[in-house]
Amino acid sequence: MSLEDWLNKRWYPAAESGEDIGAQLPLLAPLELAFRHGSRLRKLRNQPAPLPVPVIVVGNITVGGAGKTPVVAELARWLQERGRKPGIISRGYGGRAKHYPYNVTAQSHPLESGDEPLMLHLMTGLPVMVSPKRAEAAEALIAEHGCDVILSDDGLQHYGLWRSMEICVVDGQRGLGNEHLLPRGPLRESPERLDSVDLVIVNGEPSPLVQAQCGDKADFTMHLVPSLWHQFNLDQTSTLKLESGPEVGPCHGVAAIGNPQRFFNALRHLGYTVMEMAFPDHHQFSQQELHLDGETPVIMTMKDAVKCRDFWQSHWWAMEVQAQFPDLFYQRIHQHLESFSPA
């Protein structure tokens, strides 16, 4: 069992039992206190200058995936349809570019750009800029691409980036876990952080635990719905409608995301019998790891597929999901954009 698995079993059983699992890790309490203090200092020390365009940060307060990247992709789609020129910024976790800010292209390698920035560029066709200093990435998008809205994939805790709106995504099943900060729990900031963001989105129907943790702080529930299939051939990407995908039946499900069970469950909902292959978040695949039997379809997330383009096979498929929201969500975004005025 990896350290990540060991910690998750102690951080997230509270999602089912409601028990304060963090109390079982008393030796980590001093480290949790130090992390809390450091988080507060980081916020106080950063007073970034405003940018001339709206900056919408989509993040979470837990480690691991909560569904923030599909929110960014859906906001990008919605903004494009309304004639805006959005651009996306990211830290580019897992990437090692030779220079920053790094402009992501369809030919970028995930070892340079990071997996999520490349995925977002391929899904949206929008300019995506990567930098550990997100403010530099935002300024580059405005100067080089004329972007009039900046979407930040993650970055809720990156206080060096000025923001006009904050959206926090919470996993509908795992929630805030045991409500302890790192390393005693999964939180990057205290639960009270939800009080200061503009919108709280719950990914999936909230469990009783999440209802208790978020209560009336949750503004919207979103659902991730399978929308398209993708296949790769060198630098070409084939996009197919949902009904034109792999034949329903047995498949190998491959996921290296924060919550792989959510992906496997989505495949089962489509009728597939899933042989699960879960890897750590942001895992870099090798061809040998995916040398599987026969022609049984291999279905993976878009985030994982962009890391396998160099050795893609004809019976491999990537499933794209789309975030669905009630109309009121888009109204709130529209109101924010209409009321925005440069400082």
Protein backbone atom coordinates (compact mmCIF):
# COMPACT_ATOMS: atom_id res chain seq x y z
CA MET A 1 0.00 0.00 0.00
CA SER A 2 1.37 3.43 -0.97
CA LEU A 3 1.59 6.31 1.49
CA GLU A 4 -1.20 8.04 -0.46
CA ASP A 5 -3.51 5.03 -0.03
CA TRP A 6 -2.60 4.70 3.65
CA LEU A 7 -3.45 8.33 4.33
CA ASN A 8 -6.66 8.30 2.28
CA LYS A 9 -7.97 5.37 4.31
CA ARG A 10 -7.50 7.45 7.46
CA TRP A 11 -8.61 10.78 6.04
CA TYR A 12 -11.77 9.69 4.25
CA PRO A 13 -13.44 6.86 6.20
CA ALA A 14 -15.21 9.73 7.98
CA ALA A 15 -17.16 10.14 4.74
CA GLU A 16 -18.99 6.92 5.59
CA SER A 17 -18.93 6.66 9.35
CA GLY A 18 -18.94 10.28 10.50
CA GLU A 19 -16.26 9.34 13.04
CA ASP A 20 -13.42 11.77 13.71
CA ILE A 21 -10.79 9.56 12.08
CA GLY A 22 -8.21 12.31 12.48
CA ALA A 23 -8.24 11.64 16.20
CA GLN A 24 -6.46 8.38 15.40
CA LEU A 25 -3.41 10.37 14.22
CA PRO A 26 -2.57 12.42 17.33
CA LEU A 27 1.16 12.46 16.56
CA LEU A 28 0.42 14.57 13.49
CA ALA A 29 -1.39 17.28 15.47
CA PRO A 30 1.72 19.52 15.86
CA LEU A 31 2.36 19.32 12.11
CA GLU A 32 -1.26 20.20 11.43
CA LEU A 33 -0.92 23.26 13.67
CA ALA A 34 2.23 24.34 11.85
CA PHE A 35 0.51 23.91 8.48
CA ARG A 36 -2.45 26.03 9.66
CA HIS A 37 -0.10 28.79 10.79
CA GLY A 38 1.84 28.71 7.52
CA SER A 39 -1.37 28.89 5.49
CA ARG A 40 -2.50 32.00 7.35
CA LEU A 41 0.87 33.70 6.93
CA ARG A 42 0.92 32.96 3.20
CA LYS A 43 -2.44 34.62 2.76
CA LEU A 44 -1.49 37.69 4.79
CA ARG A 45 1.82 38.22 2.98
CA ASN A 46 0.31 38.27 -0.51
CA GLN A 47 -1.44 41.43 -1.66
CA PRO A 48 -1.39 41.11 -5.47
CA ALA A 49 -2.26 43.97 -7.79
CA PRO A 50 -5.62 43.71 -9.61
CA LEU A 51 -5.68 42.62 -13.25
CA PRO A 52 -7.68 44.51 -15.92
CA VAL A 53 -9.98 41.53 -16.67
CA PRO A 54 -12.09 39.20 -14.50
CA VAL A 55 -10.15 36.32 -12.98
CA ILE A 56 -12.27 33.34 -11.93
CA VAL A 57 -10.42 30.82 -9.75
CA VAL A 58 -11.85 27.28 -9.63
CA GLY A 59 -10.31 25.18 -6.87
CA ASN A 60 -10.93 23.15 -3.77
CA ILE A 61 -9.70 23.01 -0.21
CA THR A 62 -8.87 19.29 -0.18
CA VAL A 63 -5.95 17.47 -1.74
CA GLY A 64 -6.81 15.22 -4.66
CA GLY A 65 -9.51 15.63 -7.24
CA ALA A 66 -12.92 17.12 -6.59
CA GLY A 67 -13.92 17.86 -10.19
CA LYS A 68 -12.59 21.38 -10.67
CA THR A 69 -11.09 20.84 -14.15
CA PRO A 70 -14.46 19.93 -15.78
CA VAL A 71 -15.88 23.10 -14.23
CA VAL A 72 -13.16 25.14 -15.94
CA ALA A 73 -13.87 23.41 -19.27
CA GLU A 74 -17.61 24.07 -19.00
CA LEU A 75 -17.09 27.73 -18.08
CA ALA A 76 -14.75 28.06 -21.06
CA ARG A 77 -17.39 26.59 -23.39
CA TRP A 78 -20.13 28.84 -22.00
CA LEU A 79 -17.98 31.98 -22.28
CA GLN A 80 -16.96 31.18 -25.86
CA GLU A 81 -20.60 30.76 -26.86
CA ARG A 82 -21.27 34.28 -25.59
CA GLY A 83 -18.51 35.91 -27.59
CA ARG A 84 -15.97 36.23 -24.80
CA LYS A 85 -12.26 35.43 -25.21
CA PRO A 86 -11.38 33.32 -22.19
CA GLY A 87 -7.93 31.95 -21.45
CA ILE A 88 -6.91 29.29 -18.94
CA ILE A 89 -4.00 29.37 -16.52
CA SER A 90 -2.53 26.52 -14.51
CA ARG A 91 0.46 25.68 -12.39
CA GLY A 92 1.09 22.71 -14.69
CA TYR A 93 1.56 20.08 -12.00
CA GLY A 94 3.94 17.35 -13.17
CA GLY A 95 5.35 19.44 -16.04
CA ARG A 96 8.91 20.70 -16.38
CA ALA A 97 8.95 23.32 -19.10
CA LYS A 98 12.23 24.93 -20.14
CA HIS A 99 10.78 28.39 -19.61
CA TYR A 100 7.73 30.05 -18.04
CA PRO A 101 5.14 31.24 -18.81
CA TYR A 102 4.69 28.22 -21.09
CA ASN A 103 2.15 28.40 -23.92
CA VAL A 104 0.42 25.02 -24.33
CA THR A 105 -0.12 23.75 -27.88
CA ALA A 106 -1.59 20.56 -29.34
CA GLN A 107 1.98 19.32 -29.83
CA SER A 108 3.01 19.93 -26.20
CA HIS A 109 4.22 16.96 -24.22
CA PRO A 110 2.61 16.44 -20.78
CA LEU A 111 6.08 16.20 -19.24
CA GLU A 112 6.48 19.85 -20.25
CA SER A 113 2.97 21.23 -19.85
CA GLY A 114 1.47 18.94 -17.22
CA ASP A 115 -1.46 16.64 -17.97
CA GLU A 116 -4.42 18.85 -17.06
CA PRO A 117 -3.31 21.95 -19.04
CA LEU A 118 -2.80 19.84 -22.17
CA MET A 119 -6.16 18.15 -21.66
CA LEU A 120 -7.90 21.52 -21.30
CA HIS A 121 -6.28 22.86 -24.47
CA LEU A 122 -7.30 19.80 -26.49
CA MET A 123 -10.86 19.88 -25.13
CA THR A 124 -11.50 23.61 -25.50
CA GLY A 125 -9.09 24.83 -28.19
CA LEU A 126 -8.42 27.84 -25.99
CA PRO A 127 -5.07 29.41 -25.14
CA VAL A 128 -3.69 27.77 -22.00
CA MET A 129 -0.70 29.27 -20.20
CA VAL A 130 1.30 27.48 -17.52
CA SER A 131 3.48 28.96 -14.81
CA PRO A 132 4.21 28.29 -11.12
CA LYS A 133 3.53 32.04 -10.80
CA ARG A 134 -0.04 32.15 -12.06
CA ALA A 135 -0.14 35.95 -12.22
CA GLU A 136 2.60 35.85 -14.88
CA ALA A 137 0.57 33.30 -16.85
CA ALA A 138 -2.53 35.52 -16.66
CA GLU A 139 -0.60 38.60 -17.82
CA ALA A 140 0.82 36.61 -20.75
CA LEU A 141 -2.65 35.50 -21.85
CA ILE A 142 -3.89 39.09 -21.81
CA ALA A 143 -0.85 40.46 -23.65
CA GLU A 144 -0.34 37.68 -26.21
CA HIS A 145 -3.89 36.43 -26.82
CA GLY A 146 -6.11 39.36 -25.88
CA CYS A 147 -8.07 37.30 -23.36
CA ASP A 148 -10.87 39.19 -21.63
CA VAL A 149 -11.59 36.57 -18.94
CA ILE A 150 -9.04 34.43 -17.10
CA LEU A 151 -10.01 31.00 -15.74
CA SER A 152 -7.61 29.50 -13.20
CA ASP A 153 -7.60 25.71 -12.97
CA ASP A 154 -6.88 25.30 -9.26
CA GLY A 155 -5.09 28.09 -7.41
CA LEU A 156 -7.52 28.80 -4.59
CA GLN A 157 -4.53 28.77 -2.21
CA HIS A 158 -2.20 30.61 -4.63
CA TYR A 159 -2.61 34.04 -3.07
CA GLY A 160 -0.05 35.62 -5.36
CA LEU A 161 -2.82 35.61 -7.98
CA TRP A 162 -5.44 38.35 -7.75
CA ARG A 163 -8.97 37.08 -8.32
CA SER A 164 -12.35 38.67 -8.87
CA MET A 165 -14.33 35.48 -8.15
CA GLU A 166 -13.65 32.23 -6.29
CA ILE A 167 -15.43 28.92 -6.91
CA CYS A 168 -14.77 26.00 -4.58
CA VAL A 169 -15.65 22.44 -5.66
CA VAL A 170 -16.45 19.79 -3.03
CA ASP A 171 -16.63 16.06 -3.72
CA GLY A 172 -20.21 14.97 -3.07
CA GLN A 173 -19.19 11.68 -1.45
CA ARG A 174 -15.88 12.35 0.30
CA GLY A 175 -16.58 15.97 1.23
CA LEU A 176 -14.04 17.49 3.61
CA GLY A 177 -13.07 14.09 4.99
CA ASN A 178 -12.23 14.22 8.68
CA GLU A 179 -12.06 18.06 8.55
CA HIS A 180 -8.42 18.14 9.66
CA LEU A 181 -5.66 20.02 7.85
CA LEU A 182 -2.62 18.38 6.29
CA PRO A 183 -1.05 16.05 7.21
CA ARG A 184 -3.63 14.91 9.76
CA GLY A 185 -6.42 15.26 7.23
CA PRO A 186 -6.96 16.14 3.56
CA LEU A 187 -7.61 19.88 3.96
CA ARG A 188 -5.36 22.55 2.48
CA GLU A 189 -7.34 25.24 4.34
CA SER A 190 -9.78 25.17 7.23
CA PRO A 191 -13.48 24.41 6.61
CA GLU A 192 -14.27 28.07 7.34
CA ARG A 193 -12.68 28.92 3.98
CA LEU A 194 -16.00 27.97 2.38
CA ASP A 195 -17.52 31.08 3.98
CA SER A 196 -15.27 33.40 2.01
CA VAL A 197 -15.60 31.99 -1.52
CA ASP A 198 -18.24 33.27 -3.95
CA LEU A 199 -19.70 29.89 -4.94
CA VAL A 200 -19.54 26.38 -3.48
CA ILE A 201 -20.26 23.56 -5.93
CA VAL A 202 -20.90 19.99 -4.80
CA ASN A 203 -19.83 17.40 -7.36
CA GLY A 204 -22.59 14.78 -7.40
CA GLU A 205 -25.48 14.28 -5.02
CA PRO A 206 -24.20 15.13 -1.54
CA SER A 207 -23.85 12.33 1.00
CA PRO A 208 -25.22 12.87 4.53
CA LEU A 209 -21.68 13.78 5.61
CA VAL A 210 -21.35 16.46 2.95
CA GLN A 211 -24.78 17.82 3.79
CA ALA A 212 -23.67 18.13 7.41
CA GLN A 213 -20.30 19.68 6.51
CA CYS A 214 -21.50 22.17 3.91
CA GLY A 215 -25.12 22.78 4.86
CA ASP A 216 -26.42 26.01 3.35
CA LYS A 217 -22.89 26.91 2.18
CA ALA A 218 -23.42 24.73 -0.91
CA ASP A 219 -24.82 26.87 -3.74
CA PHE A 220 -25.13 24.30 -6.52
CA THR A 221 -24.90 20.61 -7.28
CA MET A 222 -23.19 19.64 -10.52
CA HIS A 223 -23.22 16.35 -12.37
CA LEU A 224 -20.43 15.02 -14.59
CA VAL A 225 -22.02 13.42 -17.64
CA PRO A 226 -20.16 11.39 -20.30
CA SER A 227 -20.30 13.47 -23.48
CA LEU A 228 -17.73 12.41 -26.11
CA TRP A 229 -15.17 9.76 -27.03
CA HIS A 230 -11.66 10.57 -28.21
CA GLN A 231 -8.96 8.52 -29.90
CA PHE A 232 -5.44 9.65 -30.74
CA ASN A 233 -3.21 8.96 -33.74
CA LEU A 234 0.12 10.78 -33.61
CA ASP A 235 -0.88 14.47 -33.58
CA GLN A 236 -4.45 13.80 -34.72
CA THR A 237 -7.41 13.50 -32.38
CA SER A 238 -10.61 11.75 -33.46
CA THR A 239 -13.76 12.85 -31.65
CA LEU A 240 -16.88 10.67 -31.68
CA LYS A 241 -20.37 11.00 -30.28
CA LEU A 242 -21.24 8.99 -27.20
CA GLU A 243 -23.27 6.42 -29.15
CA SER A 244 -20.28 5.71 -31.44
CA GLY A 245 -17.89 4.54 -28.74
CA PRO A 246 -16.60 1.10 -27.79
CA GLU A 247 -19.11 -1.74 -27.67
CA VAL A 248 -20.71 -2.17 -24.26
CA GLY A 249 -19.25 -5.15 -22.41
CA PRO A 250 -15.99 -5.91 -20.59
CA CYS A 251 -13.36 -3.18 -20.57
CA HIS A 252 -10.20 -2.17 -18.78
CA GLY A 253 -10.87 1.08 -16.92
CA VAL A 254 -7.72 3.18 -16.42
CA ALA A 255 -7.70 6.18 -14.09
CA ALA A 256 -4.90 8.17 -12.45
CA ILE A 257 -7.08 10.86 -10.89
CA GLY A 258 -7.93 11.97 -7.38
CA ASN A 259 -11.05 9.80 -7.10
CA PRO A 260 -10.84 6.96 -9.66
CA GLN A 261 -14.00 5.25 -8.37
CA ARG A 262 -16.08 8.10 -9.74
CA PHE A 263 -14.77 7.31 -13.25
CA PHE A 264 -15.26 3.56 -12.88
CA ASN A 265 -18.83 4.10 -11.67
CA ALA A 266 -19.55 6.31 -14.69
CA LEU A 267 -18.42 3.49 -16.99
CA ARG A 268 -20.63 1.00 -15.17
CA HIS A 269 -23.55 3.40 -15.51
CA LEU A 270 -23.01 3.22 -19.29
CA GLY A 271 -23.25 -0.57 -19.11
CA TYR A 272 -19.58 -1.60 -19.09
CA THR A 273 -18.13 -4.38 -16.96
CA VAL A 274 -15.04 -2.69 -15.61
CA MET A 275 -11.71 -4.30 -14.76
CA GLU A 276 -10.34 -1.51 -12.60
CA MET A 277 -6.81 -0.15 -13.02
CA ALA A 278 -6.34 2.72 -10.56
CA PHE A 279 -3.05 4.64 -10.35
CA PRO A 280 -1.88 7.57 -8.20
CA ASP A 281 -3.06 11.02 -9.31
CA HIS A 282 -0.97 12.46 -12.19
CA HIS A 283 0.77 9.11 -12.76
CA GLN A 284 3.07 9.05 -15.80
CA PHE A 285 2.26 5.89 -17.78
CA SER A 286 4.65 3.60 -19.61
CA GLN A 287 3.68 1.42 -22.55
CA GLN A 288 4.49 -1.72 -20.54
CA GLU A 289 1.97 -0.85 -17.83
CA LEU A 290 -0.86 -0.84 -20.37
CA HIS A 291 0.21 -3.93 -22.33
CA LEU A 292 -3.11 -5.69 -21.75
CA ASP A 293 -4.75 -8.82 -23.10
CA GLY A 294 -6.23 -9.05 -26.57
CA GLU A 295 -8.54 -6.44 -28.02
CA THR A 296 -10.61 -5.76 -24.90
CA PRO A 297 -11.32 -2.01 -24.96
CA VAL A 298 -9.16 0.15 -22.70
CA ILE A 299 -11.10 3.19 -21.51
CA MET A 300 -9.36 6.00 -19.68
CA THR A 301 -9.95 9.57 -18.62
CA MET A 302 -8.95 12.43 -20.92
CA LYS A 303 -6.38 13.47 -18.34
CA ASP A 304 -4.71 10.07 -18.60
CA ALA A 305 -5.11 9.73 -22.37
CA VAL A 306 -2.98 12.79 -23.15
CA LYS A 307 -0.06 11.04 -21.43
CA CYS A 308 -0.45 7.96 -23.66
CA ARG A 309 -0.53 9.56 -27.11
CA ASP A 310 2.99 8.38 -27.97
CA PHE A 311 1.98 4.71 -27.74
CA TRP A 312 -1.78 4.88 -28.40
CA GLN A 313 -3.50 1.75 -29.72
CA SER A 314 -6.62 1.44 -31.88
CA HIS A 315 -8.74 -0.25 -29.18
CA TRP A 316 -8.03 2.46 -26.59
CA TRP A 317 -10.60 5.12 -25.86
CA ALA A 318 -10.71 8.33 -23.83
CA MET A 319 -14.01 9.45 -22.33
CA GLU A 320 -14.72 13.15 -22.00
CA VAL A 321 -17.20 14.28 -19.36
CA GLN A 322 -19.14 17.53 -19.23
CA ALA A 323 -20.17 19.38 -16.09
CA GLN A 324 -23.89 20.16 -15.97
CA PHE A 325 -25.32 23.00 -13.87
CA PRO A 326 -28.70 24.60 -13.27
CA ASP A 327 -29.43 27.84 -15.12
CA LEU A 328 -28.97 29.85 -11.94
CA PHE A 329 -25.26 28.98 -11.92
CA TYR A 330 -24.72 30.65 -15.29
CA GLN A 331 -26.80 33.62 -14.16
CA ARG A 332 -24.42 34.11 -11.22
CA ILE A 333 -21.42 34.03 -13.55
CA HIS A 334 -23.14 36.48 -15.92
CA GLN A 335 -23.92 38.86 -13.06
CA HIS A 336 -20.30 38.80 -11.95
CA LEU A 337 -18.99 39.58 -15.42
CA GLU A 338 -21.54 42.38 -15.93
CA SER A 339 -20.67 44.02 -12.62
CA PHE A 340 -16.90 43.77 -13.10
CA SER A 341 -15.04 47.04 -13.53
CA PRO A 342 -11.24 47.29 -13.77
CA ALA A 343 -9.54 48.81 -10.74
